[in-house]
């Protein structure tokens, strides 16, 4: 029995230059000179601790920006 021919489904483009922004949250925490000191203190916490929170916020912001710039309108 011969199956009916169907048109191939077009491939969805998954690559975007905006995805390169996701390298920022990976590289920035590796820059050791950013937190190589105890001073300054912020709300009683040394630089190392509040920079860790800043890195998390940077990661969330970068991911949100890339998501918004690369999402497709379907529907």
PDB file of N, CA and C in Angstrom:
ATOM      1  N   UNK A   1       0.839  -1.169   0.000  1.00  0.00           N
ATOM      2  CA  UNK A   1       0.000   0.000   0.000  1.00  0.00           C
ATOM      3  C   UNK A   1       0.890   1.241   0.000  1.00  0.00           C
ATOM      4  N   UNK A   2       0.540   2.193  -0.804  1.00  0.00           N
ATOM      5  CA  UNK A   2       1.330   3.415  -0.946  1.00  0.00           C
ATOM      6  C   UNK A   2       0.759   4.476  -0.022  1.00  0.00           C
ATOM      7  N   UNK A   3       1.647   5.085   0.773  1.00  0.00           N
ATOM      8  CA  UNK A   3       1.203   6.151   1.682  1.00  0.00           C
ATOM      9  C   UNK A   3       1.109   7.460   0.923  1.00  0.00           C
ATOM     10  N   UNK A   4       0.144   8.288   1.286  1.00  0.00           N
ATOM     11  CA  UNK A   4       0.034   9.594   0.610  1.00  0.00           C
ATOM     12  C   UNK A   4       1.233  10.472   0.957  1.00  0.00           C
ATOM     13  N   UNK A   5       1.669  11.218  -0.041  1.00  0.00           N
ATOM     14  CA  UNK A   5       2.818  12.091   0.183  1.00  0.00           C
ATOM     15  C   UNK A   5       2.376  13.337   0.936  1.00  0.00           C
ATOM     16  N   UNK A   6       3.170  13.707   1.914  1.00  0.00           N
ATOM     17  CA  UNK A   6       2.896  14.930   2.670  1.00  0.00           C
ATOM     18  C   UNK A   6       4.054  15.890   2.457  1.00  0.00           C
ATOM     19  N   UNK A   7       3.751  17.147   2.576  1.00  0.00           N
ATOM     20  CA  UNK A   7       4.813  18.151   2.421  1.00  0.00           C
ATOM     21  C   UNK A   7       5.693  18.134   3.661  1.00  0.00           C
ATOM     22  N   UNK A   8       6.981  18.309   3.453  1.00  0.00           N
ATOM     23  CA  UNK A   8       7.875  18.306   4.619  1.00  0.00           C
ATOM     24  C   UNK A   8       7.598  19.520   5.506  1.00  0.00           C
ATOM     25  N   UNK A   9       7.743  19.286   6.778  1.00  0.00           N
ATOM     26  CA  UNK A   9       7.550  20.369   7.745  1.00  0.00           C
ATOM     27  C   UNK A   9       8.772  21.275   7.686  1.00  0.00           C
ATOM     28  N   UNK A  10       8.567  22.586   7.538  1.00  0.00           N
ATOM     29  CA  UNK A  10       9.733  23.469   7.483  1.00  0.00           C
ATOM     30  C   UNK A  10      10.501  23.446   8.802  1.00  0.00           C
ATOM     31  N   UNK A  11      11.823  23.444   8.696  1.00  0.00           N
ATOM     32  CA  UNK A  11      12.659  23.425   9.891  1.00  0.00           C
ATOM     33  C   UNK A  11      12.579  24.761  10.589  1.00  0.00           C
ATOM     34  N   UNK A  12      12.491  24.694  11.872  1.00  0.00           N
ATOM     35  CA  UNK A  12      12.436  25.901  12.685  1.00  0.00           C
ATOM     36  C   UNK A  12      13.846  26.402  12.918  1.00  0.00           C
ATOM     37  N   UNK A  13      14.048  27.670  12.713  1.00  0.00           N
ATOM     38  CA  UNK A  13      15.374  28.266  12.911  1.00  0.00           C
ATOM     39  C   UNK A  13      15.612  28.430  14.402  1.00  0.00           C
ATOM     40  N   UNK A  14      16.624  27.750  14.920  1.00  0.00           N
ATOM     41  CA  UNK A  14      16.892  27.807  16.354  1.00  0.00           C
ATOM     42  C   UNK A  14      18.073  28.691  16.690  1.00  0.00           C
ATOM     43  N   UNK A  15      18.905  28.999  15.725  1.00  0.00           N
ATOM     44  CA  UNK A  15      20.072  29.823  16.004  1.00  0.00           C
ATOM     45  C   UNK A  15      19.751  31.296  15.878  1.00  0.00           C
ATOM     46  N   UNK A  16      20.227  32.067  16.802  1.00  0.00           N
ATOM     47  CA  UNK A  16      20.027  33.507  16.774  1.00  0.00           C
ATOM     48  C   UNK A  16      21.278  34.160  17.333  1.00  0.00           C
ATOM     49  N   UNK A  17      21.673  35.288  16.774  1.00  0.00           N
ATOM     50  CA  UNK A  17      22.841  35.974  17.334  1.00  0.00           C
ATOM     51  C   UNK A  17      22.617  36.437  18.770  1.00  0.00           C
ATOM     52  N   UNK A  18      21.362  36.594  19.173  1.00  0.00           N
ATOM     53  CA  UNK A  18      21.079  37.026  20.544  1.00  0.00           C
ATOM     54  C   UNK A  18      21.471  35.975  21.564  1.00  0.00           C
ATOM     55  N   UNK A  19      21.546  34.722  21.149  1.00  0.00           N
ATOM     56  CA  UNK A  19      21.937  33.663  22.083  1.00  0.00           C
ATOM     57  C   UNK A  19      23.365  33.838  22.584  1.00  0.00           C
ATOM     58  N   UNK A  20      24.185  34.571  21.847  1.00  0.00           N
ATOM     59  CA  UNK A  20      25.555  34.821  22.295  1.00  0.00           C
ATOM     60  C   UNK A  20      25.590  35.651  23.571  1.00  0.00           C
ATOM     61  N   UNK A  21      24.518  36.366  23.875  1.00  0.00           N
ATOM     62  CA  UNK A  21      24.473  37.119  25.127  1.00  0.00           C
ATOM     63  C   UNK A  21      24.503  36.210  26.351  1.00  0.00           C
ATOM     64  N   UNK A  22      24.112  34.961  26.176  1.00  0.00           N
ATOM     65  CA  UNK A  22      24.088  34.035  27.305  1.00  0.00           C
ATOM     66  C   UNK A  22      25.486  33.679  27.804  1.00  0.00           C
ATOM     67  N   UNK A  23      26.507  34.065  27.078  1.00  0.00           N
ATOM     68  CA  UNK A  23      27.874  33.820  27.539  1.00  0.00           C
ATOM     69  C   UNK A  23      28.252  34.782  28.669  1.00  0.00           C
ATOM     70  N   UNK A  24      27.574  35.913  28.756  1.00  0.00           N
ATOM     71  CA  UNK A  24      27.894  36.927  29.767  1.00  0.00           C
ATOM     72  C   UNK A  24      27.780  36.378  31.188  1.00  0.00           C
ATOM     73  N   UNK A  25      26.652  35.729  31.571  1.00  0.00           N
ATOM     74  CA  UNK A  25      26.572  35.218  32.941  1.00  0.00           C
ATOM     75  C   UNK A  25      27.557  34.090  33.243  1.00  0.00           C
ATOM     76  N   UNK A  26      28.135  33.503  32.223  1.00  0.00           N
ATOM     77  CA  UNK A  26      29.137  32.456  32.443  1.00  0.00           C
ATOM     78  C   UNK A  26      30.512  33.071  32.666  1.00  0.00           C
ATOM     79  N   UNK A  27      30.841  34.088  31.897  1.00  0.00           N
ATOM     80  CA  UNK A  27      32.186  34.664  31.931  1.00  0.00           C
ATOM     81  C   UNK A  27      32.380  35.636  33.092  1.00  0.00           C
ATOM     82  N   UNK A  28      31.387  36.450  33.378  1.00  0.00           N
ATOM     83  CA  UNK A  28      31.553  37.503  34.396  1.00  0.00           C
ATOM     84  C   UNK A  28      31.934  36.933  35.770  1.00  0.00           C
ATOM     85  N   UNK A  29      31.299  35.869  36.278  1.00  0.00           N
ATOM     86  CA  UNK A  29      31.739  35.342  37.578  1.00  0.00           C
ATOM     87  C   UNK A  29      33.154  34.765  37.569  1.00  0.00           C
ATOM     88  N   UNK A  30      33.697  34.487  36.399  1.00  0.00           N
ATOM     89  CA  UNK A  30      35.063  33.960  36.321  1.00  0.00           C
ATOM     90  C   UNK A  30      36.119  35.062  36.405  1.00  0.00           C
ATOM     91  N   UNK A  31      35.704  36.316  36.362  1.00  0.00           N
ATOM     92  CA  UNK A  31      36.632  37.435  36.468  1.00  0.00           C
ATOM     93  C   UNK A  31      36.963  37.652  37.942  1.00  0.00           C
ATOM     94  N   UNK A  32      38.010  36.993  38.395  1.00  0.00           N
ATOM     95  CA  UNK A  32      38.326  36.953  39.822  1.00  0.00           C
ATOM     96  C   UNK A  32      38.645  38.322  40.409  1.00  0.00           C
ATOM     97  N   UNK A  33      39.141  39.259  39.606  1.00  0.00           N
ATOM     98  CA  UNK A  33      39.512  40.555  40.145  1.00  0.00           C
ATOM     99  C   UNK A  33      38.298  41.357  40.617  1.00  0.00           C
ATOM    100  N   UNK A  34      37.100  40.941  40.220  1.00  0.00           N
ATOM    101  CA  UNK A  34      35.894  41.639  40.678  1.00  0.00           C
ATOM    102  C   UNK A  34      35.648  41.449  42.170  1.00  0.00           C
ATOM    103  N   UNK A  35      35.984  40.273  42.691  1.00  0.00           N
ATOM    104  CA  UNK A  35      35.694  39.992  44.101  1.00  0.00           C
ATOM    105  C   UNK A  35      36.935  39.560  44.871  1.00  0.00           C
ATOM    106  N   UNK A  36      38.066  40.119  44.513  1.00  0.00           N
ATOM    107  CA  UNK A  36      39.326  39.751  45.126  1.00  0.00           C
ATOM    108  C   UNK A  36      39.649  40.614  46.349  1.00  0.00           C
ATOM    109  N   UNK A  37      38.630  41.138  47.000  1.00  0.00           N
ATOM    110  CA  UNK A  37      38.850  42.005  48.148  1.00  0.00           C
ATOM    111  C   UNK A  37      37.673  41.894  49.104  1.00  0.00           C
ATOM    112  N   UNK A  38      37.904  42.213  50.381  1.00  0.00           N
ATOM    113  CA  UNK A  38      36.802  42.214  51.344  1.00  0.00           C
ATOM    114  C   UNK A  38      36.039  43.530  51.286  1.00  0.00           C
ATOM    115  N   UNK A  39      36.695  44.588  50.931  1.00  0.00           N
ATOM    116  CA  UNK A  39      36.044  45.900  50.896  1.00  0.00           C
ATOM    117  C   UNK A  39      35.530  46.171  49.502  1.00  0.00           C
ATOM    118  N   UNK A  40      34.496  46.872  49.289  1.00  0.00           N
ATOM    119  CA  UNK A  40      33.667  47.550  50.276  1.00  0.00           C
ATOM    120  C   UNK A  40      32.601  46.618  50.841  1.00  0.00           C
ATOM    121  N   UNK A  41      32.084  47.002  51.967  1.00  0.00           N
ATOM    122  CA  UNK A  41      30.973  46.293  52.582  1.00  0.00           C
ATOM    123  C   UNK A  41      29.673  46.936  52.142  1.00  0.00           C
ATOM    124  N   UNK A  42      28.647  46.138  51.997  1.00  0.00           N
ATOM    125  CA  UNK A  42      27.315  46.635  51.653  1.00  0.00           C
ATOM    126  C   UNK A  42      26.325  45.945  52.578  1.00  0.00           C
ATOM    127  N   UNK A  43      25.652  46.715  53.396  1.00  0.00           N
ATOM    128  CA  UNK A  43      24.726  46.202  54.398  1.00  0.00           C
ATOM    129  C   UNK A  43      25.393  45.172  55.310  1.00  0.00           C
ATOM    130  N   UNK A  44      26.653  45.380  55.601  1.00  0.00           N
ATOM    131  CA  UNK A  44      27.385  44.502  56.499  1.00  0.00           C
ATOM    132  C   UNK A  44      27.969  43.258  55.854  1.00  0.00           C
ATOM    133  N   UNK A  45      27.784  43.095  54.554  1.00  0.00           N
ATOM    134  CA  UNK A  45      28.309  41.924  53.849  1.00  0.00           C
ATOM    135  C   UNK A  45      29.509  42.322  52.999  1.00  0.00           C
ATOM    136  N   UNK A  46      30.567  41.502  53.010  1.00  0.00           N
ATOM    137  CA  UNK A  46      31.707  41.799  52.155  1.00  0.00           C
ATOM    138  C   UNK A  46      31.350  41.668  50.675  1.00  0.00           C
ATOM    139  N   UNK A  47      32.212  42.209  49.845  1.00  0.00           N
ATOM    140  CA  UNK A  47      31.989  42.262  48.397  1.00  0.00           C
ATOM    141  C   UNK A  47      31.682  40.891  47.799  1.00  0.00           C
ATOM    142  N   UNK A  48      32.373  39.855  48.245  1.00  0.00           N
ATOM    143  CA  UNK A  48      32.184  38.524  47.665  1.00  0.00           C
ATOM    144  C   UNK A  48      30.724  38.089  47.720  1.00  0.00           C
ATOM    145  N   UNK A  49      30.077  38.316  48.860  1.00  0.00           N
ATOM    146  CA  UNK A  49      28.708  37.828  49.040  1.00  0.00           C
ATOM    147  C   UNK A  49      27.699  38.633  48.226  1.00  0.00           C
ATOM    148  N   UNK A  50      27.816  39.951  48.224  1.00  0.00           N
ATOM    149  CA  UNK A  50      26.818  40.689  47.449  1.00  0.00           C
ATOM    150  C   UNK A  50      27.077  40.611  45.959  1.00  0.00           C
ATOM    151  N   UNK A  51      28.301  40.311  45.557  1.00  0.00           N
ATOM    152  CA  UNK A  51      28.546  40.082  44.131  1.00  0.00           C
ATOM    153  C   UNK A  51      27.920  38.766  43.660  1.00  0.00           C
ATOM    154  N   UNK A  52      27.874  37.775  44.544  1.00  0.00           N
ATOM    155  CA  UNK A  52      27.208  36.525  44.169  1.00  0.00           C
ATOM    156  C   UNK A  52      25.737  36.775  43.860  1.00  0.00           C
ATOM    157  N   UNK A  53      25.091  37.608  44.670  1.00  0.00           N
ATOM    158  CA  UNK A  53      23.701  37.967  44.400  1.00  0.00           C
ATOM    159  C   UNK A  53      23.601  38.777  43.104  1.00  0.00           C
ATOM    160  N   UNK A  54      24.545  39.660  42.871  1.00  0.00           N
ATOM    161  CA  UNK A  54      24.539  40.449  41.635  1.00  0.00           C
ATOM    162  C   UNK A  54      24.714  39.544  40.413  1.00  0.00           C
ATOM    163  N   UNK A  55      25.528  38.495  40.528  1.00  0.00           N
ATOM    164  CA  UNK A  55      25.705  37.558  39.415  1.00  0.00           C
ATOM    165  C   UNK A  55      24.407  36.819  39.118  1.00  0.00           C
ATOM    166  N   UNK A  56      23.656  36.474  40.150  1.00  0.00           N
ATOM    167  CA  UNK A  56      22.367  35.808  39.948  1.00  0.00           C
ATOM    168  C   UNK A  56      21.416  36.749  39.224  1.00  0.00           C
ATOM    169  N   UNK A  57      21.355  38.003  39.669  1.00  0.00           N
ATOM    170  CA  UNK A  57      20.476  38.976  39.020  1.00  0.00           C
ATOM    171  C   UNK A  57      20.901  39.230  37.572  1.00  0.00           C
ATOM    172  N   UNK A  58      22.200  39.260  37.320  1.00  0.00           N
ATOM    173  CA  UNK A  58      22.705  39.416  35.958  1.00  0.00           C
ATOM    174  C   UNK A  58      22.267  38.240  35.083  1.00  0.00           C
ATOM    175  N   UNK A  59      22.345  37.033  35.629  1.00  0.00           N
ATOM    176  CA  UNK A  59      21.943  35.844  34.872  1.00  0.00           C
ATOM    177  C   UNK A  59      20.456  35.868  34.544  1.00  0.00           C
ATOM    178  N   UNK A  60      19.648  36.234  35.512  1.00  0.00           N
ATOM    179  CA  UNK A  60      18.206  36.284  35.285  1.00  0.00           C
ATOM    180  C   UNK A  60      17.876  37.354  34.248  1.00  0.00           C
ATOM    181  N   UNK A  61      18.484  38.526  34.382  1.00  0.00           N
ATOM    182  CA  UNK A  61      18.209  39.615  33.437  1.00  0.00           C
ATOM    183  C   UNK A  61      18.644  39.254  32.019  1.00  0.00           C
ATOM    184  N   UNK A  62      19.814  38.649  31.887  1.00  0.00           N
ATOM    185  CA  UNK A  62      20.313  38.269  30.566  1.00  0.00           C
ATOM    186  C   UNK A  62      19.412  37.208  29.931  1.00  0.00           C
ATOM    187  N   UNK A  63      19.012  36.218  30.716  1.00  0.00           N
ATOM    188  CA  UNK A  63      18.136  35.171  30.200  1.00  0.00           C
ATOM    189  C   UNK A  63      16.790  35.747  29.777  1.00  0.00           C
ATOM    190  N   UNK A  64      16.247  36.657  30.557  1.00  0.00           N
ATOM    191  CA  UNK A  64      14.976  37.277  30.213  1.00  0.00           C
ATOM    192  C   UNK A  64      15.085  38.088  28.925  1.00  0.00           C
ATOM    193  N   UNK A  65      16.168  38.836  28.775  1.00  0.00           N
ATOM    194  CA  UNK A  65      16.369  39.640  27.561  1.00  0.00           C
ATOM    195  C   UNK A  65      16.470  38.742  26.335  1.00  0.00           C
ATOM    196  N   UNK A  66      17.261  37.687  26.427  1.00  0.00           N
ATOM    197  CA  UNK A  66      17.414  36.775  25.282  1.00  0.00           C
ATOM    198  C   UNK A  66      16.086  36.103  24.969  1.00  0.00           C
ATOM    199  N   UNK A  67      15.353  35.719  25.981  1.00  0.00           N
ATOM    200  CA  UNK A  67      14.040  35.093  25.750  1.00  0.00           C
ATOM    201  C   UNK A  67      13.106  36.052  25.022  1.00  0.00           C
ATOM    202  N   UNK A  68      13.035  37.278  25.493  1.00  0.00           N
ATOM    203  CA  UNK A  68      12.131  38.254  24.875  1.00  0.00           C
ATOM    204  C   UNK A  68      12.537  38.574  23.438  1.00  0.00           C
ATOM    205  N   UNK A  69      13.831  38.624  23.157  1.00  0.00           N
ATOM    206  CA  UNK A  69      14.290  38.958  21.823  1.00  0.00           C
ATOM    207  C   UNK A  69      14.184  37.817  20.821  1.00  0.00           C
ATOM    208  N   UNK A  70      14.106  36.591  21.310  1.00  0.00           N
ATOM    209  CA  UNK A  70      14.132  35.448  20.400  1.00  0.00           C
ATOM    210  C   UNK A  70      12.823  34.669  20.352  1.00  0.00           C
ATOM    211  N   UNK A  71      11.851  35.014  21.152  1.00  0.00           N
ATOM    212  CA  UNK A  71      10.599  34.254  21.101  1.00  0.00           C
ATOM    213  C   UNK A  71       9.872  34.536  19.796  1.00  0.00           C
ATOM    214  N   UNK A  72       9.121  33.557  19.363  1.00  0.00           N
ATOM    215  CA  UNK A  72       8.382  33.680  18.112  1.00  0.00           C
ATOM    216  C   UNK A  72       6.916  33.907  18.426  1.00  0.00           C
ATOM    217  N   UNK A  73       6.280  34.605  17.551  1.00  0.00           N
ATOM    218  CA  UNK A  73       4.844  34.859  17.694  1.00  0.00           C
ATOM    219  C   UNK A  73       4.104  33.726  16.997  1.00  0.00           C
ATOM    220  N   UNK A  74       3.412  32.910  17.774  1.00  0.00           N
ATOM    221  CA  UNK A  74       2.649  31.820  17.195  1.00  0.00           C
ATOM    222  C   UNK A  74       1.186  32.015  17.536  1.00  0.00           C
ATOM    223  N   UNK A  75       0.354  31.610  16.623  1.00  0.00           N
ATOM    224  CA  UNK A  75      -1.043  31.684  16.968  1.00  0.00           C
ATOM    225  C   UNK A  75      -1.781  32.492  15.985  1.00  0.00           C
TER     226      UNK A  75
END
